[in-house]
């Protein structure tokens, strides 16, 4: 009955304790207010059965109902319709530059580096509903997989479709991957532009020097967060392809990440370098980046209050008038 209704003065419901007191008072006073005549026998008197003396208790019930309604009315029942409007005042454009070289199939993360990255990055994207995100793939060369867009479903679907392939030239061209990501953001009108560059190796390919790409990022006001992905020591990595099955053969390979270069890129552009040695650490890194790069959102709430006490007060008044009408007309001889 009161679903969706709030009471402003809930404490006034304590007045409902008056109702049982009123009932007790009515029971005690009723006998004193009723005249009694004691006689030895009713023989010789003509008796008639009438319901009117018993029905007069309905007058008290009407008065109790009116009192309960008045107490509910002064508790001020109301409904509140809240409408919310949000305004993003500081949008962020993000490009995720992902290394897709064969070494990303190493199994030091579960099930491998690339799949672990896709799982974590997918959750990161879902947590940025107000930002535009794009994807860049790179190995020995780089290309834009998804331009920056606010459609997260497209970005996540594109991310999930990333697989190692032989179409892209082998190697790790960090400079080319970074420059391609910069190219996607250079014309962005967003107040904050960010690149998350991830690699598990050293720059050994491409025709653009990573330091030149870093300078381009600085020129266009782009901040770069760099992530080195891979355990310390050796990792079970692809070393050859079985000519009979076409599948990778794995062996223990020393993990080599150019951390000095990644730190330099992050420092020059105002970003930060991270090292992810396992799945949990990778999740923590993306969580930290998520906290560092917050989108400012103004939320406006509009409250529309509708008072509901008037019908209760009117009904209580109507019951009291009806009770008085019955008392001084229909039950005049019995009350």
Protein backbone atom coordinates (compact mmCIF):
# COMPACT_ATOMS: atom_id res chain seq x y z
CA UNK A 1 0.00 0.00 0.00
CA UNK A 2 2.82 2.38 0.94
CA UNK A 3 5.30 1.14 -1.66
CA UNK A 4 7.38 4.02 -2.96
CA UNK A 5 6.08 6.34 -0.21
CA UNK A 6 8.36 8.00 2.32
CA UNK A 7 7.27 9.55 5.61
CA UNK A 8 8.94 12.83 6.54
CA UNK A 9 7.90 12.70 10.21
CA UNK A 10 8.18 8.99 10.99
CA UNK A 11 8.52 9.68 14.72
CA UNK A 12 4.87 10.80 14.87
CA UNK A 13 3.78 7.19 14.38
CA UNK A 14 4.37 6.84 18.13
CA UNK A 15 0.99 8.55 18.44
CA UNK A 16 -0.55 5.27 17.25
CA UNK A 17 -0.10 4.13 20.86
CA UNK A 18 -3.10 6.33 21.64
CA UNK A 19 -5.35 3.89 19.80
CA UNK A 20 -5.08 0.96 22.23
CA UNK A 21 -5.40 3.45 25.12
CA UNK A 22 -8.57 4.82 23.56
CA UNK A 23 -9.95 1.29 23.18
CA UNK A 24 -9.17 0.53 26.84
CA UNK A 25 -10.82 3.78 27.91
CA UNK A 26 -13.89 2.99 25.81
CA UNK A 27 -14.28 -0.49 27.31
CA UNK A 28 -13.94 0.81 30.90
CA UNK A 29 -16.26 3.77 30.42
CA UNK A 30 -18.87 1.95 28.39
CA UNK A 31 -20.34 0.07 31.35
CA UNK A 32 -20.47 3.22 33.51
CA UNK A 33 -22.23 5.16 30.75
CA UNK A 34 -24.91 2.49 30.30
CA UNK A 35 -27.93 2.72 32.64
CA UNK A 36 -28.92 -0.50 34.44
CA UNK A 37 -32.25 -1.63 35.80
CA UNK A 38 -32.42 -4.70 38.02
CA UNK A 39 -35.72 -6.56 38.22
CA UNK A 40 -36.58 -10.03 39.43
CA UNK A 41 -38.19 -11.23 36.21
CA UNK A 42 -38.83 -10.18 32.63
CA UNK A 43 -42.16 -11.99 32.52
CA UNK A 44 -44.88 -9.63 31.52
CA UNK A 45 -42.47 -7.53 29.42
CA UNK A 46 -42.62 -7.66 25.70
CA UNK A 47 -39.08 -8.08 24.40
CA UNK A 48 -37.84 -7.26 20.91
CA UNK A 49 -34.48 -8.10 19.39
CA UNK A 50 -32.83 -5.07 17.77
CA UNK A 51 -29.31 -4.63 16.42
CA UNK A 52 -29.16 -0.88 16.97
CA UNK A 53 -27.72 -0.90 20.51
CA UNK A 54 -24.91 -3.21 19.36
CA UNK A 55 -24.29 -1.26 16.15
CA UNK A 56 -23.54 1.90 18.08
CA UNK A 57 -20.00 0.59 18.68
CA UNK A 58 -19.40 1.31 15.01
CA UNK A 59 -19.32 5.02 15.91
CA UNK A 60 -16.26 4.47 18.07
CA UNK A 61 -14.62 2.42 15.34
CA UNK A 62 -15.18 5.28 12.88
CA UNK A 63 -13.57 7.69 15.32
CA UNK A 64 -10.56 5.38 15.78
CA UNK A 65 -10.11 5.05 12.02
CA UNK A 66 -10.26 8.82 11.65
CA UNK A 67 -7.60 9.24 14.36
CA UNK A 68 -5.32 6.66 12.69
CA UNK A 69 -5.68 8.43 9.34
CA UNK A 70 -4.91 11.82 10.91
CA UNK A 71 -1.75 10.46 12.56
CA UNK A 72 -0.64 8.98 9.22
CA UNK A 73 -1.39 12.30 7.51
CA UNK A 74 0.69 14.40 9.92
CA UNK A 75 3.57 11.92 9.42
CA UNK A 76 3.64 13.49 5.92
CA UNK A 77 3.63 10.66 3.41
CA UNK A 78 5.14 11.66 0.09
CA UNK A 79 6.57 10.15 -3.05
CA UNK A 80 9.89 11.28 -4.45
CA UNK A 81 10.66 11.14 -8.15
CA UNK A 82 14.41 11.47 -8.67
CA UNK A 83 15.73 12.16 -12.15
CA UNK A 84 19.47 12.18 -12.77
CA UNK A 85 21.47 13.84 -15.50
CA UNK A 86 25.20 13.38 -15.82
CA UNK A 87 27.59 15.58 -17.68
CA UNK A 88 31.14 14.53 -18.47
CA UNK A 89 33.28 17.61 -18.06
CA UNK A 90 36.66 16.03 -18.67
CA UNK A 91 36.68 13.26 -21.23
CA UNK A 92 39.66 10.96 -21.75
CA UNK A 93 40.72 9.36 -25.03
CA UNK A 94 42.75 6.18 -24.55
CA UNK A 95 44.63 4.04 -27.05
CA UNK A 96 45.87 0.64 -25.96
CA UNK A 97 48.98 -0.37 -27.93
CA UNK A 98 49.32 -4.16 -27.63
CA UNK A 99 52.36 -6.25 -28.53
CA UNK A 100 51.17 -9.30 -30.52
CA UNK A 101 54.53 -10.86 -31.30
CA UNK A 102 55.01 -14.64 -30.92
CA UNK A 103 56.58 -14.18 -27.48
CA UNK A 104 53.16 -13.04 -26.19
CA UNK A 105 52.18 -16.73 -26.31
CA UNK A 106 54.62 -17.47 -23.47
CA UNK A 107 52.98 -19.35 -20.62
CA UNK A 108 54.43 -17.52 -17.60
CA UNK A 109 50.96 -15.94 -17.28
CA UNK A 110 47.85 -18.10 -17.42
CA UNK A 111 46.90 -19.35 -19.97
CA UNK A 112 49.45 -17.18 -21.81
CA UNK A 113 50.49 -13.54 -21.85
CA UNK A 114 48.17 -12.48 -24.66
CA UNK A 115 45.03 -14.12 -23.25
CA UNK A 116 45.78 -12.84 -19.76
CA UNK A 117 46.14 -9.32 -21.16
CA UNK A 118 42.87 -9.59 -23.10
CA UNK A 119 40.97 -10.65 -19.97
CA UNK A 120 42.32 -7.80 -17.86
CA UNK A 121 42.06 -5.17 -20.59
CA UNK A 122 38.44 -6.17 -21.25
CA UNK A 123 37.51 -5.41 -17.63
CA UNK A 124 39.43 -2.13 -17.84
CA UNK A 125 37.42 -1.08 -20.90
CA UNK A 126 34.12 -1.96 -19.21
CA UNK A 127 35.10 0.27 -16.30
CA UNK A 128 35.54 3.34 -18.56
CA UNK A 129 31.95 4.01 -19.75
CA UNK A 130 32.52 7.74 -20.30
CA UNK A 131 35.77 7.55 -22.28
CA UNK A 132 36.66 6.78 -25.87
CA UNK A 133 39.06 3.89 -26.43
CA UNK A 134 40.99 2.58 -29.43
CA UNK A 135 43.29 -0.37 -30.10
CA UNK A 136 46.64 -0.59 -31.88
CA UNK A 137 48.40 -3.90 -32.62
CA UNK A 138 52.11 -4.09 -33.22
CA UNK A 139 54.87 -6.64 -33.66
CA UNK A 140 57.51 -5.94 -36.35
CA UNK A 141 55.06 -3.37 -37.76
CA UNK A 142 51.91 -1.73 -36.42
CA UNK A 143 48.37 -0.96 -37.48
CA UNK A 144 45.19 0.43 -35.96
CA UNK A 145 42.78 -2.33 -35.09
CA UNK A 146 40.04 -0.05 -33.71
CA UNK A 147 39.94 3.76 -33.97
CA UNK A 148 39.00 5.58 -30.78
CA UNK A 149 35.28 5.13 -30.17
CA UNK A 150 32.77 5.38 -27.35
CA UNK A 151 31.17 2.08 -28.42
CA UNK A 152 32.69 -0.27 -25.85
CA UNK A 153 31.02 -3.34 -27.37
CA UNK A 154 32.97 -2.83 -30.58
CA UNK A 155 36.25 -2.31 -28.72
CA UNK A 156 35.79 -5.40 -26.52
CA UNK A 157 34.79 -7.56 -29.48
CA UNK A 158 37.83 -6.35 -31.41
CA UNK A 159 40.06 -6.99 -28.40
CA UNK A 160 38.76 -10.53 -27.99
CA UNK A 161 39.46 -11.22 -31.67
CA UNK A 162 43.16 -10.40 -31.31
CA UNK A 163 45.26 -13.50 -31.96
CA UNK A 164 48.82 -14.19 -32.93
CA UNK A 165 49.17 -14.36 -36.70
CA UNK A 166 51.88 -14.39 -39.31
CA UNK A 167 50.34 -11.53 -41.29
CA UNK A 168 52.17 -8.92 -39.23
CA UNK A 169 55.94 -8.97 -39.67
CA UNK A 170 57.72 -10.61 -36.75
CA UNK A 171 59.72 -8.71 -34.15
CA UNK A 172 58.92 -5.98 -31.61
CA UNK A 173 58.72 -2.47 -33.02
CA UNK A 174 58.00 -0.44 -29.88
CA UNK A 175 58.69 2.88 -31.63
CA UNK A 176 56.35 2.06 -34.53
CA UNK A 177 53.61 0.86 -32.17
CA UNK A 178 53.88 4.02 -30.07
CA UNK A 179 53.95 6.30 -33.11
CA UNK A 180 50.85 4.62 -34.54
CA UNK A 181 49.02 5.16 -31.25
CA UNK A 182 50.12 8.81 -31.19
CA UNK A 183 48.80 9.22 -34.72
CA UNK A 184 45.36 8.03 -33.56
CA UNK A 185 45.30 10.63 -30.76
CA UNK A 186 47.04 13.66 -32.23
CA UNK A 187 43.81 15.20 -33.59
CA UNK A 188 41.74 14.34 -30.53
CA UNK A 189 39.91 17.22 -28.87
CA UNK A 190 39.77 15.46 -25.50
CA UNK A 191 41.28 17.32 -22.55
CA UNK A 192 43.25 14.23 -21.58
CA UNK A 193 44.94 11.81 -24.02
CA UNK A 194 46.51 8.57 -22.83
CA UNK A 195 48.38 5.64 -24.37
CA UNK A 196 48.80 2.33 -22.54
CA UNK A 197 51.75 0.64 -24.26
CA UNK A 198 52.39 -3.01 -23.41
CA UNK A 199 55.29 -5.16 -24.52
CA UNK A 200 57.15 -8.27 -23.41
CA UNK A 201 60.43 -7.66 -25.24
CA UNK A 202 62.96 -5.19 -26.55
CA UNK A 203 62.77 -2.85 -29.50
CA UNK A 204 64.34 -4.87 -32.32
CA UNK A 205 62.34 -3.89 -35.37
CA UNK A 206 60.57 -1.02 -37.08
CA UNK A 207 61.79 2.18 -38.69
CA UNK A 208 60.78 4.69 -35.96
CA UNK A 209 63.00 5.27 -32.96
CA UNK A 210 61.02 4.95 -29.67
CA UNK A 211 62.54 8.20 -28.41
CA UNK A 212 61.29 10.03 -31.50
CA UNK A 213 57.82 8.54 -30.91
CA UNK A 214 58.02 9.72 -27.28
CA UNK A 215 58.81 13.26 -28.40
CA UNK A 216 55.78 13.16 -30.71
CA UNK A 217 53.62 12.12 -27.76
CA UNK A 218 54.93 15.07 -25.72
CA UNK A 219 54.29 17.47 -28.61
CA UNK A 220 50.62 16.42 -28.78
CA UNK A 221 50.15 16.38 -25.01
CA UNK A 222 49.79 12.60 -24.76
CA UNK A 223 50.65 10.73 -21.58
CA UNK A 224 52.08 7.21 -21.97
CA UNK A 225 51.79 4.43 -19.41
CA UNK A 226 54.17 1.58 -20.23
CA UNK A 227 53.84 -2.03 -19.06
CA UNK A 228 56.57 -4.66 -19.25
CA UNK A 229 54.89 -8.07 -19.32
CA UNK A 230 56.76 -11.21 -18.29
CA UNK A 231 58.16 -13.04 -15.31
CA UNK A 232 61.68 -12.66 -13.97
CA UNK A 233 64.09 -15.30 -15.26
CA UNK A 234 62.94 -17.76 -17.91
CA UNK A 235 59.51 -18.50 -19.35
CA UNK A 236 58.02 -21.32 -21.39
CA UNK A 237 57.92 -19.61 -24.80
CA UNK A 238 57.48 -20.56 -28.48
CA UNK A 239 60.84 -21.54 -29.96
CA UNK A 240 59.86 -23.27 -33.21
CA UNK A 241 56.96 -24.52 -35.31
CA UNK A 242 56.40 -28.24 -35.81
CA UNK A 243 56.37 -28.70 -39.63
CA UNK A 244 54.01 -31.68 -39.33
CA UNK A 245 51.30 -30.05 -37.19
CA UNK A 246 52.01 -26.36 -37.72
CA UNK A 247 51.84 -25.84 -33.95
CA UNK A 248 54.38 -24.06 -31.77
CA UNK A 249 56.99 -25.98 -29.87
CA UNK A 250 57.85 -24.50 -26.47
CA UNK A 251 61.08 -24.22 -24.57
CA UNK A 252 62.61 -22.25 -21.72
CA UNK A 253 63.63 -18.78 -22.90
CA UNK A 254 65.20 -15.94 -20.95
CA UNK A 255 62.74 -13.06 -20.46
CA UNK A 256 64.24 -9.83 -21.80
CA UNK A 257 62.34 -6.58 -21.38
CA UNK A 258 63.91 -3.21 -22.12
CA UNK A 259 62.79 -1.67 -18.84
CA UNK A 260 65.13 1.31 -19.20
CA UNK A 261 63.45 2.26 -22.48
CA UNK A 262 59.94 1.80 -21.11
CA UNK A 263 60.76 3.90 -18.03
CA UNK A 264 62.22 6.62 -20.23
CA UNK A 265 59.10 6.72 -22.43
CA UNK A 266 56.86 6.99 -19.35
CA UNK A 267 59.02 9.65 -17.65
CA UNK A 268 59.31 11.84 -20.74
CA UNK A 269 55.56 11.84 -21.40
CA UNK A 270 54.46 12.23 -17.77
CA UNK A 271 53.23 8.67 -17.43
CA UNK A 272 54.39 5.75 -15.33
CA UNK A 273 56.14 2.42 -15.90
CA UNK A 274 54.81 -0.87 -14.52
CA UNK A 275 56.13 -4.42 -14.49
CA UNK A 276 53.63 -7.28 -14.61
CA UNK A 277 55.16 -10.62 -13.65
CA UNK A 278 51.90 -12.54 -13.15
CA UNK A 279 48.15 -12.34 -13.69
CA UNK A 280 47.41 -10.70 -10.35
CA UNK A 281 50.05 -8.04 -10.85
CA UNK A 282 48.68 -7.28 -14.32
CA UNK A 283 45.20 -6.77 -12.84
CA UNK A 284 46.62 -4.47 -10.17
CA UNK A 285 48.44 -2.39 -12.79
CA UNK A 286 45.33 -1.77 -14.86
CA UNK A 287 43.46 -1.02 -11.64
CA UNK A 288 46.05 1.60 -10.71
CA UNK A 289 45.92 3.19 -14.16
CA UNK A 290 42.14 3.25 -13.84
CA UNK A 291 42.50 5.21 -10.59
CA UNK A 292 45.15 7.57 -11.96
CA UNK A 293 43.09 8.50 -15.00
CA UNK A 294 39.69 9.53 -13.67
CA UNK A 295 37.03 11.18 -15.78
CA UNK A 296 35.37 14.10 -14.02
CA UNK A 297 31.60 13.73 -14.11
CA UNK A 298 29.03 16.24 -12.86
CA UNK A 299 25.85 14.57 -11.67
CA UNK A 300 22.67 16.62 -11.37
CA UNK A 301 19.74 15.21 -9.44
CA UNK A 302 16.24 16.66 -9.63
CA UNK A 303 13.74 15.81 -6.88
CA UNK A 304 9.99 16.05 -7.45
CA UNK A 305 8.06 15.65 -4.20
CA UNK A 306 4.37 14.78 -4.23
CA UNK A 307 2.56 15.12 -0.90
CA UNK A 308 0.12 12.30 -0.13
CA UNK A 309 -1.31 13.48 3.20
CA UNK A 310 -4.28 15.41 1.74
CA UNK A 311 -6.40 12.37 0.76
CA UNK A 312 -5.78 10.86 4.21
CA UNK A 313 -6.78 14.07 6.00
CA UNK A 314 -9.90 14.44 3.84
CA UNK A 315 -10.89 10.82 4.47
CA UNK A 316 -10.38 11.29 8.22
CA UNK A 317 -12.60 14.39 8.13
CA UNK A 318 -15.25 12.52 6.17
CA UNK A 319 -15.27 9.69 8.72
CA UNK A 320 -15.67 12.16 11.59
CA UNK A 321 -18.54 13.92 9.84
CA UNK A 322 -20.17 10.58 9.10
CA UNK A 323 -19.78 9.57 12.74
CA UNK A 324 -21.37 12.81 13.96
CA UNK A 325 -24.17 12.48 11.45
CA UNK A 326 -24.99 8.97 12.67
CA UNK A 327 -24.64 9.98 16.32
CA UNK A 328 -27.17 12.81 16.10
CA UNK A 329 -29.58 11.22 13.68
CA UNK A 330 -29.78 7.45 13.36
CA UNK A 331 -28.35 6.58 16.79
CA UNK A 332 -29.72 9.62 18.65
CA UNK A 333 -31.89 7.51 21.00
CA UNK A 334 -29.17 4.98 21.77
CA UNK A 335 -26.02 6.96 22.34
